[in-house]
Amino acid sequence: MTDHLGNIRTSYDTVATAYADLVQDGADWESEGFDLFAELAGGRPVLDVGCGPGRTTGLLGARGLKVTGIDLSPGMIEVARRDHPELDFRVGSMTALELADGELGGVVSWWSIIHLPRDVVPQAFAEFHRVLAPGGVLLMGFHVGDESTHKTSGYGGLPMDLYVHRWRGDGLTELAVAVGFTPYLDAEIPQDRLLFRK
């Protein structure tokens, strides 16, 4: 495992339980956004990448979606399985998804690309595109900005060692279009989210 993935994994293993306890509430747009995502996915299976303790995965499952959550951190997956035993959770990396080409109707990446080095994000986009069926949708959340910061602690002061990379929507859109995505423009979406179709 490359250093950046190892650091992400270890950091979130350390904070998994505290993270689950502290991160409960969603943003105002979540309900509307996930409703639209569920509609566009068309009843096909979907994936929650970087699912953490499964909060987002649970919201997708509550909309009747057949959803699988994956996360690099075994600790996060353990908490997700504890809190959402009815759902499917697996340890895995968004840069190398263990799924067949065209298998999914939708992918959600909810603030989960923010720790990938900038030059690795295109690899994740390519994987998202590969596993989506034609017409499948990608819904993303991210931190807006240009800077990258080194995070050394979090979620109650527990030690972490990873980077948080902020993005502009136009920069991420450029990367998505380069691998074959088309921006979905028929909805008002906050500036820290993006929606694409394959």
N, C-alpha and C. Protein backbone atom coordinates (compact mmCIF):
# COMPACT_ATOMS: atom_id res chain seq x y z
N MET A 1 0.85 -1.19 0.00
CA MET A 1 0.00 0.00 0.00
C MET A 1 0.89 1.25 0.00
N THR A 2 0.60 2.18 -0.91
CA THR A 2 1.40 3.39 -0.97
C THR A 2 1.25 4.19 0.31
N ASP A 3 2.21 5.08 0.58
CA ASP A 3 2.24 5.80 1.85
C ASP A 3 0.97 6.59 2.11
N HIS A 4 0.46 7.29 1.08
CA HIS A 4 -0.71 8.12 1.33
C HIS A 4 -1.92 7.27 1.69
N LEU A 5 -2.08 6.11 1.06
CA LEU A 5 -3.21 5.24 1.41
C LEU A 5 -3.00 4.64 2.80
N GLY A 6 -1.77 4.26 3.11
CA GLY A 6 -1.49 3.71 4.44
C GLY A 6 -1.76 4.72 5.54
N ASN A 7 -1.40 5.98 5.31
CA ASN A 7 -1.64 7.01 6.32
C ASN A 7 -3.13 7.28 6.49
N ILE A 8 -3.87 7.29 5.39
CA ILE A 8 -5.32 7.49 5.47
C ILE A 8 -5.95 6.34 6.27
N ARG A 9 -5.55 5.14 5.93
CA ARG A 9 -6.12 3.96 6.59
C ARG A 9 -5.84 3.98 8.09
N THR A 10 -4.58 4.20 8.47
CA THR A 10 -4.21 4.21 9.89
C THR A 10 -4.92 5.34 10.64
N SER A 11 -4.98 6.51 10.03
CA SER A 11 -5.62 7.65 10.68
C SER A 11 -7.08 7.38 10.97
N TYR A 12 -7.80 6.83 10.01
CA TYR A 12 -9.22 6.60 10.23
C TYR A 12 -9.50 5.35 11.05
N ASP A 13 -8.59 4.40 11.06
CA ASP A 13 -8.71 3.32 12.04
C ASP A 13 -8.67 3.90 13.46
N THR A 14 -7.78 4.86 13.68
CA THR A 14 -7.60 5.45 15.01
C THR A 14 -8.84 6.20 15.47
N VAL A 15 -9.49 6.90 14.56
CA VAL A 15 -10.60 7.78 14.98
C VAL A 15 -11.98 7.20 14.69
N ALA A 16 -12.06 5.96 14.22
CA ALA A 16 -13.32 5.42 13.70
C ALA A 16 -14.49 5.57 14.68
N THR A 17 -14.32 5.14 15.90
CA THR A 17 -15.43 5.19 16.86
C THR A 17 -15.78 6.63 17.21
N ALA A 18 -14.79 7.46 17.45
CA ALA A 18 -15.03 8.87 17.78
C ALA A 18 -15.69 9.59 16.61
N TYR A 19 -15.26 9.29 15.41
CA TYR A 19 -15.84 9.90 14.21
C TYR A 19 -17.33 9.57 14.11
N ALA A 20 -17.65 8.29 14.31
CA ALA A 20 -19.05 7.87 14.23
C ALA A 20 -19.92 8.58 15.26
N ASP A 21 -19.36 8.82 16.44
CA ASP A 21 -20.12 9.48 17.50
C ASP A 21 -20.31 10.97 17.22
N LEU A 22 -19.33 11.60 16.56
CA LEU A 22 -19.36 13.05 16.37
C LEU A 22 -20.03 13.48 15.08
N VAL A 23 -19.94 12.66 14.05
CA VAL A 23 -20.46 13.04 12.73
C VAL A 23 -21.80 12.36 12.51
N GLN A 24 -22.84 13.07 12.86
CA GLN A 24 -24.18 12.51 12.77
C GLN A 24 -25.09 13.28 11.81
N ASP A 25 -25.08 14.59 11.93
CA ASP A 25 -26.03 15.41 11.18
C ASP A 25 -25.55 15.64 9.75
N GLY A 26 -26.51 15.73 8.82
CA GLY A 26 -26.18 15.99 7.44
C GLY A 26 -26.44 17.43 7.07
N ALA A 27 -26.03 17.78 5.87
CA ALA A 27 -26.25 19.13 5.37
C ALA A 27 -27.68 19.28 4.84
N ASP A 28 -28.11 20.53 4.70
CA ASP A 28 -29.49 20.79 4.29
C ASP A 28 -29.84 20.14 2.96
N TRP A 29 -28.87 20.11 2.04
CA TRP A 29 -29.17 19.63 0.71
C TRP A 29 -29.16 18.11 0.59
N GLU A 30 -28.72 17.42 1.62
CA GLU A 30 -28.54 15.97 1.52
C GLU A 30 -29.81 15.24 1.11
N SER A 31 -30.92 15.52 1.77
CA SER A 31 -32.13 14.77 1.49
C SER A 31 -32.55 14.93 0.03
N GLU A 32 -32.58 16.18 -0.43
CA GLU A 32 -32.96 16.44 -1.82
C GLU A 32 -31.96 15.81 -2.78
N GLY A 33 -30.67 15.95 -2.46
CA GLY A 33 -29.64 15.41 -3.34
C GLY A 33 -29.68 13.90 -3.44
N PHE A 34 -29.89 13.22 -2.32
CA PHE A 34 -29.94 11.77 -2.35
C PHE A 34 -31.23 11.27 -3.00
N ASP A 35 -32.30 12.03 -2.86
CA ASP A 35 -33.54 11.67 -3.57
C ASP A 35 -33.31 11.71 -5.08
N LEU A 36 -32.66 12.77 -5.55
CA LEU A 36 -32.37 12.89 -6.98
C LEU A 36 -31.43 11.78 -7.43
N PHE A 37 -30.40 11.51 -6.64
CA PHE A 37 -29.47 10.44 -6.97
C PHE A 37 -30.19 9.10 -7.11
N ALA A 38 -31.06 8.80 -6.15
CA ALA A 38 -31.80 7.53 -6.18
C ALA A 38 -32.66 7.44 -7.43
N GLU A 39 -33.28 8.54 -7.80
CA GLU A 39 -34.10 8.55 -9.01
C GLU A 39 -33.25 8.30 -10.26
N LEU A 40 -32.11 8.97 -10.34
CA LEU A 40 -31.27 8.85 -11.53
C LEU A 40 -30.57 7.50 -11.62
N ALA A 41 -30.32 6.86 -10.47
CA ALA A 41 -29.68 5.54 -10.48
C ALA A 41 -30.57 4.48 -11.09
N GLY A 42 -31.86 4.73 -11.14
CA GLY A 42 -32.77 3.87 -11.88
C GLY A 42 -32.93 2.47 -11.35
N GLY A 43 -32.81 2.29 -10.03
CA GLY A 43 -33.03 0.98 -9.44
C GLY A 43 -31.85 0.04 -9.54
N ARG A 44 -30.75 0.51 -10.11
CA ARG A 44 -29.55 -0.33 -10.23
C ARG A 44 -28.71 -0.23 -8.96
N PRO A 45 -27.81 -1.19 -8.71
CA PRO A 45 -26.96 -1.13 -7.51
C PRO A 45 -26.11 0.14 -7.50
N VAL A 46 -25.79 0.62 -6.29
CA VAL A 46 -24.97 1.82 -6.14
C VAL A 46 -23.87 1.56 -5.12
N LEU A 47 -22.86 2.43 -5.17
CA LEU A 47 -21.70 2.29 -4.30
C LEU A 47 -21.46 3.59 -3.55
N ASP A 48 -21.20 3.48 -2.24
CA ASP A 48 -20.81 4.61 -1.41
C ASP A 48 -19.32 4.45 -1.13
N VAL A 49 -18.48 5.25 -1.83
CA VAL A 49 -17.03 5.10 -1.70
C VAL A 49 -16.51 6.02 -0.59
N GLY A 50 -15.63 5.47 0.24
CA GLY A 50 -15.18 6.22 1.41
C GLY A 50 -16.32 6.37 2.38
N CYS A 51 -17.03 5.28 2.65
CA CYS A 51 -18.29 5.31 3.38
C CYS A 51 -18.13 5.61 4.87
N GLY A 52 -16.90 5.51 5.40
CA GLY A 52 -16.71 5.76 6.82
C GLY A 52 -17.58 4.84 7.66
N PRO A 53 -18.25 5.37 8.69
CA PRO A 53 -19.06 4.54 9.57
C PRO A 53 -20.44 4.21 9.02
N GLY A 54 -20.69 4.53 7.76
CA GLY A 54 -21.92 4.08 7.11
C GLY A 54 -23.10 5.00 7.20
N ARG A 55 -22.91 6.23 7.68
CA ARG A 55 -24.04 7.16 7.79
C ARG A 55 -24.69 7.41 6.43
N THR A 56 -23.87 7.76 5.44
CA THR A 56 -24.39 8.03 4.11
C THR A 56 -24.95 6.77 3.48
N THR A 57 -24.28 5.65 3.67
CA THR A 57 -24.75 4.37 3.14
C THR A 57 -26.15 4.07 3.67
N GLY A 58 -26.37 4.34 4.96
CA GLY A 58 -27.68 4.12 5.54
C GLY A 58 -28.75 5.00 4.91
N LEU A 59 -28.41 6.26 4.61
CA LEU A 59 -29.37 7.16 3.97
C LEU A 59 -29.72 6.68 2.57
N LEU A 60 -28.75 6.13 1.87
CA LEU A 60 -29.02 5.60 0.53
C LEU A 60 -29.88 4.34 0.62
N GLY A 61 -29.55 3.47 1.58
CA GLY A 61 -30.35 2.26 1.76
C GLY A 61 -31.78 2.57 2.14
N ALA A 62 -31.98 3.63 2.92
CA ALA A 62 -33.33 4.01 3.32
C ALA A 62 -34.17 4.47 2.14
N ARG A 63 -33.53 4.80 1.03
CA ARG A 63 -34.24 5.19 -0.19
C ARG A 63 -34.52 4.01 -1.10
N GLY A 64 -34.33 2.81 -0.58
CA GLY A 64 -34.63 1.61 -1.34
C GLY A 64 -33.54 1.18 -2.29
N LEU A 65 -32.36 1.80 -2.18
CA LEU A 65 -31.27 1.45 -3.07
C LEU A 65 -30.51 0.22 -2.57
N LYS A 66 -30.08 -0.61 -3.50
CA LYS A 66 -29.18 -1.71 -3.16
C LYS A 66 -27.78 -1.12 -3.12
N VAL A 67 -27.28 -0.84 -1.93
CA VAL A 67 -26.06 -0.07 -1.78
C VAL A 67 -24.98 -0.87 -1.07
N THR A 68 -23.76 -0.71 -1.54
CA THR A 68 -22.58 -1.26 -0.88
C THR A 68 -21.69 -0.10 -0.46
N GLY A 69 -21.18 -0.16 0.76
CA GLY A 69 -20.24 0.85 1.24
C GLY A 69 -18.83 0.28 1.27
N ILE A 70 -17.88 1.06 0.75
CA ILE A 70 -16.48 0.63 0.86
C ILE A 70 -15.67 1.73 1.53
N ASP A 71 -14.66 1.31 2.26
CA ASP A 71 -13.77 2.27 2.90
C ASP A 71 -12.40 1.62 3.04
N LEU A 72 -11.38 2.45 2.98
CA LEU A 72 -10.01 1.98 3.12
C LEU A 72 -9.70 1.49 4.54
N SER A 73 -10.46 2.01 5.52
CA SER A 73 -10.19 1.74 6.93
C SER A 73 -10.99 0.56 7.45
N PRO A 74 -10.34 -0.54 7.84
CA PRO A 74 -11.07 -1.64 8.46
C PRO A 74 -11.80 -1.21 9.73
N GLY A 75 -11.22 -0.25 10.46
CA GLY A 75 -11.89 0.23 11.66
C GLY A 75 -13.22 0.90 11.34
N MET A 76 -13.24 1.69 10.30
CA MET A 76 -14.50 2.32 9.87
C MET A 76 -15.51 1.27 9.43
N ILE A 77 -15.05 0.28 8.69
CA ILE A 77 -15.96 -0.77 8.22
C ILE A 77 -16.52 -1.56 9.40
N GLU A 78 -15.73 -1.79 10.41
CA GLU A 78 -16.21 -2.48 11.61
C GLU A 78 -17.34 -1.69 12.28
N VAL A 79 -17.16 -0.37 12.39
CA VAL A 79 -18.20 0.47 12.98
C VAL A 79 -19.44 0.49 12.09
N ALA A 80 -19.25 0.59 10.77
CA ALA A 80 -20.38 0.60 9.85
C ALA A 80 -21.20 -0.68 9.95
N ARG A 81 -20.54 -1.79 10.02
CA ARG A 81 -21.25 -3.07 10.15
C ARG A 81 -21.98 -3.16 11.49
N ARG A 82 -21.38 -2.59 12.52
CA ARG A 82 -22.03 -2.57 13.84
C ARG A 82 -23.31 -1.74 13.81
N ASP A 83 -23.22 -0.56 13.18
CA ASP A 83 -24.35 0.37 13.20
C ASP A 83 -25.39 0.12 12.13
N HIS A 84 -25.00 -0.58 11.05
CA HIS A 84 -25.92 -0.84 9.94
C HIS A 84 -25.78 -2.30 9.50
N PRO A 85 -26.15 -3.25 10.37
CA PRO A 85 -25.91 -4.67 10.06
C PRO A 85 -26.69 -5.18 8.85
N GLU A 86 -27.68 -4.43 8.43
CA GLU A 86 -28.50 -4.87 7.29
C GLU A 86 -27.85 -4.55 5.95
N LEU A 87 -26.78 -3.76 5.96
CA LEU A 87 -26.15 -3.31 4.72
C LEU A 87 -24.81 -4.01 4.47
N ASP A 88 -24.35 -3.92 3.22
CA ASP A 88 -23.12 -4.58 2.78
C ASP A 88 -21.96 -3.59 2.84
N PHE A 89 -20.94 -3.90 3.63
CA PHE A 89 -19.76 -3.05 3.75
C PHE A 89 -18.50 -3.88 3.49
N ARG A 90 -17.55 -3.25 2.80
CA ARG A 90 -16.32 -3.95 2.44
C ARG A 90 -15.13 -3.00 2.56
N VAL A 91 -13.98 -3.56 2.94
CA VAL A 91 -12.74 -2.81 2.90
C VAL A 91 -12.27 -2.74 1.45
N GLY A 92 -11.93 -1.53 0.99
CA GLY A 92 -11.47 -1.39 -0.38
C GLY A 92 -11.03 0.03 -0.66
N SER A 93 -10.41 0.21 -1.82
CA SER A 93 -9.88 1.50 -2.23
C SER A 93 -10.60 2.01 -3.46
N MET A 94 -10.94 3.29 -3.46
CA MET A 94 -11.61 3.89 -4.62
C MET A 94 -10.69 3.98 -5.83
N THR A 95 -9.39 3.79 -5.63
CA THR A 95 -8.48 3.84 -6.77
C THR A 95 -8.31 2.47 -7.44
N ALA A 96 -8.92 1.43 -6.87
CA ALA A 96 -8.84 0.09 -7.45
C ALA A 96 -10.08 -0.69 -6.99
N LEU A 97 -11.23 -0.35 -7.56
CA LEU A 97 -12.49 -0.95 -7.14
C LEU A 97 -12.59 -2.39 -7.63
N GLU A 98 -12.98 -3.27 -6.73
CA GLU A 98 -13.10 -4.69 -7.08
C GLU A 98 -14.52 -4.96 -7.57
N LEU A 99 -14.84 -4.33 -8.71
CA LEU A 99 -16.16 -4.44 -9.32
C LEU A 99 -15.99 -4.56 -10.82
N ALA A 100 -16.99 -5.18 -11.45
CA ALA A 100 -16.94 -5.35 -12.90
C ALA A 100 -17.25 -4.05 -13.62
N ASP A 101 -16.80 -3.95 -14.84
CA ASP A 101 -17.13 -2.79 -15.66
C ASP A 101 -18.64 -2.67 -15.82
N GLY A 102 -19.17 -1.45 -15.69
CA GLY A 102 -20.58 -1.19 -15.95
C GLY A 102 -21.55 -1.84 -14.99
N GLU A 103 -21.10 -2.13 -13.77
CA GLU A 103 -21.92 -2.89 -12.82
C GLU A 103 -22.94 -2.03 -12.07
N LEU A 104 -22.71 -0.72 -12.00
CA LEU A 104 -23.47 0.12 -11.07
C LEU A 104 -24.33 1.16 -11.78
N GLY A 105 -25.39 1.56 -11.08
CA GLY A 105 -26.21 2.68 -11.53
C GLY A 105 -25.76 4.00 -10.94
N GLY A 106 -25.00 3.96 -9.85
CA GLY A 106 -24.57 5.21 -9.23
C GLY A 106 -23.40 5.01 -8.28
N VAL A 107 -22.61 6.07 -8.14
CA VAL A 107 -21.51 6.12 -7.18
C VAL A 107 -21.65 7.42 -6.39
N VAL A 108 -21.57 7.32 -5.07
CA VAL A 108 -21.52 8.50 -4.21
C VAL A 108 -20.12 8.58 -3.62
N SER A 109 -19.50 9.74 -3.76
CA SER A 109 -18.20 10.03 -3.15
C SER A 109 -18.41 11.26 -2.28
N TRP A 110 -18.81 11.03 -1.03
CA TRP A 110 -19.27 12.11 -0.15
C TRP A 110 -18.12 12.58 0.73
N TRP A 111 -17.43 13.62 0.28
CA TRP A 111 -16.25 14.13 0.98
C TRP A 111 -15.19 13.05 1.18
N SER A 112 -15.04 12.17 0.18
CA SER A 112 -14.08 11.07 0.34
C SER A 112 -12.87 11.18 -0.56
N ILE A 113 -12.86 12.11 -1.53
CA ILE A 113 -11.65 12.28 -2.35
C ILE A 113 -10.68 13.27 -1.71
N ILE A 114 -11.09 13.91 -0.63
CA ILE A 114 -10.33 15.05 -0.11
C ILE A 114 -8.96 14.67 0.42
N HIS A 115 -8.75 13.40 0.73
CA HIS A 115 -7.45 12.98 1.25
C HIS A 115 -6.53 12.40 0.17
N LEU A 116 -7.05 12.17 -1.01
CA LEU A 116 -6.20 11.66 -2.08
C LEU A 116 -5.28 12.75 -2.61
N PRO A 117 -4.02 12.44 -2.84
CA PRO A 117 -3.16 13.42 -3.51
C PRO A 117 -3.81 13.88 -4.82
N ARG A 118 -3.56 15.11 -5.18
CA ARG A 118 -4.23 15.67 -6.36
C ARG A 118 -3.95 14.87 -7.62
N ASP A 119 -2.73 14.33 -7.73
CA ASP A 119 -2.41 13.60 -8.95
C ASP A 119 -2.99 12.19 -8.96
N VAL A 120 -3.60 11.76 -7.86
CA VAL A 120 -4.23 10.44 -7.79
C VAL A 120 -5.74 10.53 -8.06
N VAL A 121 -6.32 11.71 -7.88
CA VAL A 121 -7.77 11.87 -8.07
C VAL A 121 -8.23 11.44 -9.46
N PRO A 122 -7.50 11.73 -10.55
CA PRO A 122 -7.94 11.22 -11.85
C PRO A 122 -8.09 9.71 -11.91
N GLN A 123 -7.25 8.99 -11.15
CA GLN A 123 -7.36 7.53 -11.10
C GLN A 123 -8.69 7.12 -10.47
N ALA A 124 -9.10 7.83 -9.42
CA ALA A 124 -10.39 7.54 -8.80
C ALA A 124 -11.54 7.83 -9.76
N PHE A 125 -11.47 8.96 -10.47
CA PHE A 125 -12.51 9.29 -11.45
C PHE A 125 -12.60 8.20 -12.52
N ALA A 126 -11.47 7.72 -12.98
CA ALA A 126 -11.47 6.67 -14.00
C ALA A 126 -12.14 5.40 -13.49
N GLU A 127 -11.89 5.07 -12.22
CA GLU A 127 -12.54 3.90 -11.63
C GLU A 127 -14.04 4.10 -11.49
N PHE A 128 -14.46 5.29 -11.05
CA PHE A 128 -15.89 5.57 -10.94
C PHE A 128 -16.56 5.40 -12.30
N HIS A 129 -15.93 5.93 -13.33
CA HIS A 129 -16.49 5.84 -14.68
C HIS A 129 -16.54 4.39 -15.16
N ARG A 130 -15.50 3.64 -14.88
CA ARG A 130 -15.42 2.25 -15.34
C ARG A 130 -16.55 1.39 -14.78
N VAL A 131 -16.85 1.55 -13.49
CA VAL A 131 -17.82 0.65 -12.86
C VAL A 131 -19.27 1.09 -13.09
N LEU A 132 -19.49 2.27 -13.64
CA LEU A 132 -20.84 2.75 -13.90
C LEU A 132 -21.35 2.24 -15.24
N ALA A 133 -22.63 1.87 -15.26
CA ALA A 133 -23.30 1.54 -16.51
C ALA A 133 -23.56 2.82 -17.30
N PRO A 134 -23.78 2.72 -18.60
CA PRO A 134 -24.16 3.91 -19.37
C PRO A 134 -25.38 4.60 -18.74
N GLY A 135 -25.30 5.90 -18.57
CA GLY A 135 -26.36 6.65 -17.91
C GLY A 135 -26.25 6.68 -16.40
N GLY A 136 -25.26 5.96 -15.85
CA GLY A 136 -25.06 5.96 -14.40
C GLY A 136 -24.60 7.33 -13.91
N VAL A 137 -24.77 7.57 -12.61
CA VAL A 137 -24.50 8.90 -12.05
C VAL A 137 -23.44 8.85 -10.96
N LEU A 138 -22.69 9.94 -10.88
CA LEU A 138 -21.69 10.15 -9.83
C LEU A 138 -22.06 11.40 -9.07
N LEU A 139 -22.27 11.27 -7.76
CA LEU A 139 -22.57 12.40 -6.88
C LEU A 139 -21.39 12.59 -5.94
N MET A 140 -20.84 13.81 -5.92
CA MET A 140 -19.65 14.09 -5.14
C MET A 140 -19.87 15.23 -4.17
N GLY A 141 -19.22 15.15 -3.02
CA GLY A 141 -19.09 16.27 -2.10
C GLY A 141 -17.62 16.51 -1.82
N PHE A 142 -17.24 17.77 -1.59
CA PHE A 142 -15.83 18.09 -1.40
C PHE A 142 -15.71 19.43 -0.68
N HIS A 143 -14.53 19.71 -0.15
CA HIS A 143 -14.26 21.01 0.46
C HIS A 143 -13.81 21.98 -0.62
N VAL A 144 -14.36 23.19 -0.60
CA VAL A 144 -14.07 24.18 -1.63
C VAL A 144 -12.86 25.02 -1.24
N GLY A 145 -11.96 25.21 -2.18
CA GLY A 145 -10.79 26.05 -1.96
C GLY A 145 -9.64 25.59 -2.83
N ASP A 146 -8.48 26.13 -2.55
CA ASP A 146 -7.29 25.81 -3.34
C ASP A 146 -6.18 25.17 -2.50
N GLU A 147 -6.29 25.27 -1.19
CA GLU A 147 -5.17 24.88 -0.34
C GLU A 147 -5.22 23.40 0.06
N SER A 148 -4.06 22.93 0.49
CA SER A 148 -3.93 21.60 1.08
C SER A 148 -3.34 21.78 2.47
N THR A 149 -3.90 21.09 3.45
CA THR A 149 -3.42 21.21 4.82
C THR A 149 -3.10 19.83 5.39
N HIS A 150 -2.13 19.80 6.29
CA HIS A 150 -1.73 18.56 6.94
C HIS A 150 -2.52 18.41 8.23
N LYS A 151 -3.31 17.37 8.34
CA LYS A 151 -4.15 17.13 9.52
C LYS A 151 -3.42 16.17 10.45
N THR A 152 -3.13 16.63 11.66
CA THR A 152 -2.38 15.81 12.60
C THR A 152 -3.21 15.31 13.78
N SER A 153 -4.45 15.82 13.90
CA SER A 153 -5.34 15.33 14.95
C SER A 153 -6.77 15.66 14.56
N GLY A 154 -7.72 14.98 15.21
CA GLY A 154 -9.11 15.26 14.93
C GLY A 154 -10.04 14.39 15.74
N TYR A 155 -11.32 14.78 15.74
CA TYR A 155 -12.38 13.99 16.36
C TYR A 155 -12.07 13.65 17.82
N GLY A 156 -11.93 14.72 18.59
CA GLY A 156 -11.61 14.56 20.00
C GLY A 156 -10.13 14.62 20.29
N GLY A 157 -9.33 15.11 19.34
CA GLY A 157 -7.91 15.25 19.56
C GLY A 157 -7.09 14.00 19.32
N LEU A 158 -7.67 13.01 18.68
CA LEU A 158 -6.94 11.77 18.40
C LEU A 158 -5.91 12.01 17.29
N PRO A 159 -4.79 11.29 17.32
CA PRO A 159 -3.74 11.53 16.32
C PRO A 159 -4.14 11.08 14.93
N MET A 160 -3.81 11.91 13.94
CA MET A 160 -4.02 11.58 12.54
C MET A 160 -2.79 12.07 11.77
N ASP A 161 -2.60 11.53 10.59
CA ASP A 161 -1.47 11.93 9.75
C ASP A 161 -1.88 11.80 8.28
N LEU A 162 -2.53 12.84 7.78
CA LEU A 162 -3.01 12.82 6.41
C LEU A 162 -3.24 14.25 5.94
N TYR A 163 -3.47 14.40 4.66
CA TYR A 163 -3.67 15.72 4.08
C TYR A 163 -5.12 15.90 3.67
N VAL A 164 -5.60 17.14 3.78
CA VAL A 164 -6.93 17.52 3.31
C VAL A 164 -6.73 18.48 2.14
N HIS A 165 -7.21 18.07 0.98
CA HIS A 165 -7.05 18.85 -0.23
C HIS A 165 -8.39 19.47 -0.62
N ARG A 166 -8.42 20.79 -0.73
CA ARG A 166 -9.61 21.49 -1.19
C ARG A 166 -9.57 21.63 -2.70
N TRP A 167 -10.77 21.72 -3.29
CA TRP A 167 -10.90 21.76 -4.74
C TRP A 167 -11.88 22.85 -5.15
N ARG A 168 -11.72 23.32 -6.37
CA ARG A 168 -12.73 24.13 -7.04
C ARG A 168 -13.56 23.21 -7.92
N GLY A 169 -14.84 23.54 -8.05
CA GLY A 169 -15.72 22.71 -8.85
C GLY A 169 -15.28 22.59 -10.29
N ASP A 170 -14.76 23.67 -10.86
CA ASP A 170 -14.36 23.61 -12.26
C ASP A 170 -13.15 22.70 -12.45
N GLY A 171 -12.26 22.63 -11.45
CA GLY A 171 -11.12 21.74 -11.55
C GLY A 171 -11.53 20.28 -11.52
N LEU A 172 -12.44 19.93 -10.62
CA LEU A 172 -12.94 18.56 -10.56
C LEU A 172 -13.75 18.22 -11.80
N THR A 173 -14.52 19.17 -12.29
CA THR A 173 -15.31 18.93 -13.50
C THR A 173 -14.39 18.63 -14.68
N GLU A 174 -13.31 19.35 -14.78
CA GLU A 174 -12.34 19.10 -15.86
C GLU A 174 -11.80 17.67 -15.80
N LEU A 175 -11.47 17.21 -14.58
CA LEU A 175 -10.98 15.84 -14.43
C LEU A 175 -12.06 14.82 -14.79
N ALA A 176 -13.30 15.09 -14.38
CA ALA A 176 -14.40 14.16 -14.66
C ALA A 176 -14.68 14.07 -16.16
N VAL A 177 -14.72 15.22 -16.81
CA VAL A 177 -14.99 15.25 -18.26
C VAL A 177 -13.88 14.52 -19.02
N ALA A 178 -12.65 14.62 -18.52
CA ALA A 178 -11.51 13.99 -19.20
C ALA A 178 -11.64 12.47 -19.27
N VAL A 179 -12.36 11.86 -18.31
CA VAL A 179 -12.53 10.40 -18.34
C VAL A 179 -13.87 9.99 -18.93
N GLY A 180 -14.69 10.97 -19.35
CA GLY A 180 -15.92 10.63 -20.05
C GLY A 180 -17.21 11.03 -19.39
N PHE A 181 -17.17 11.70 -18.24
CA PHE A 181 -18.39 12.14 -17.57
C PHE A 181 -18.95 13.41 -18.22
N THR A 182 -20.25 13.59 -18.04
CA THR A 182 -20.94 14.80 -18.47
C THR A 182 -21.59 15.45 -17.26
N PRO A 183 -21.38 16.75 -17.01
CA PRO A 183 -22.04 17.41 -15.87
C PRO A 183 -23.56 17.33 -16.00
N TYR A 184 -24.22 17.09 -14.87
CA TYR A 184 -25.68 17.08 -14.82
C TYR A 184 -26.12 18.46 -14.36
N LEU A 185 -26.85 19.16 -15.20
CA LEU A 185 -27.12 20.57 -14.96
C LEU A 185 -28.59 20.88 -14.68
N ASP A 186 -29.41 19.85 -14.49
CA ASP A 186 -30.85 20.08 -14.33
C ASP A 186 -31.28 20.21 -12.88
N ALA A 187 -30.36 20.57 -12.01
CA ALA A 187 -30.72 20.75 -10.60
C ALA A 187 -29.83 21.82 -10.00
N GLU A 188 -30.36 22.55 -9.00
CA GLU A 188 -29.54 23.50 -8.27
C GLU A 188 -28.74 22.75 -7.22
N ILE A 189 -27.43 22.81 -7.35
CA ILE A 189 -26.54 22.03 -6.49
C ILE A 189 -25.60 22.99 -5.78
N PRO A 190 -25.41 22.86 -4.48
CA PRO A 190 -24.46 23.74 -3.77
C PRO A 190 -23.07 23.66 -4.37
N GLN A 191 -22.26 24.68 -4.12
CA GLN A 191 -20.96 24.76 -4.76
C GLN A 191 -19.97 23.70 -4.31
N ASP A 192 -20.28 23.02 -3.19
CA ASP A 192 -19.37 21.98 -2.71
C ASP A 192 -19.86 20.57 -3.09
N ARG A 193 -20.73 20.48 -4.08
CA ARG A 193 -21.18 19.18 -4.59
C ARG A 193 -21.18 19.23 -6.12
N LEU A 194 -21.05 18.07 -6.73
CA LEU A 194 -21.10 17.94 -8.18
C LEU A 194 -21.87 16.68 -8.53
N LEU A 195 -22.55 16.73 -9.66
CA LEU A 195 -23.31 15.56 -10.14
C LEU A 195 -22.98 15.37 -11.61
N PHE A 196 -22.61 14.13 -11.95
CA PHE A 196 -22.23 13.81 -13.32
C PHE A 196 -22.99 12.57 -13.79
N ARG A 197 -23.10 12.45 -15.12
CA ARG A 197 -23.64 11.23 -15.72
C ARG A 197 -22.61 10.64 -16.66
N LYS A 198 -22.63 9.34 -16.75
CA LYS A 198 -21.74 8.64 -17.69
C LYS A 198 -22.40 8.62 -19.07
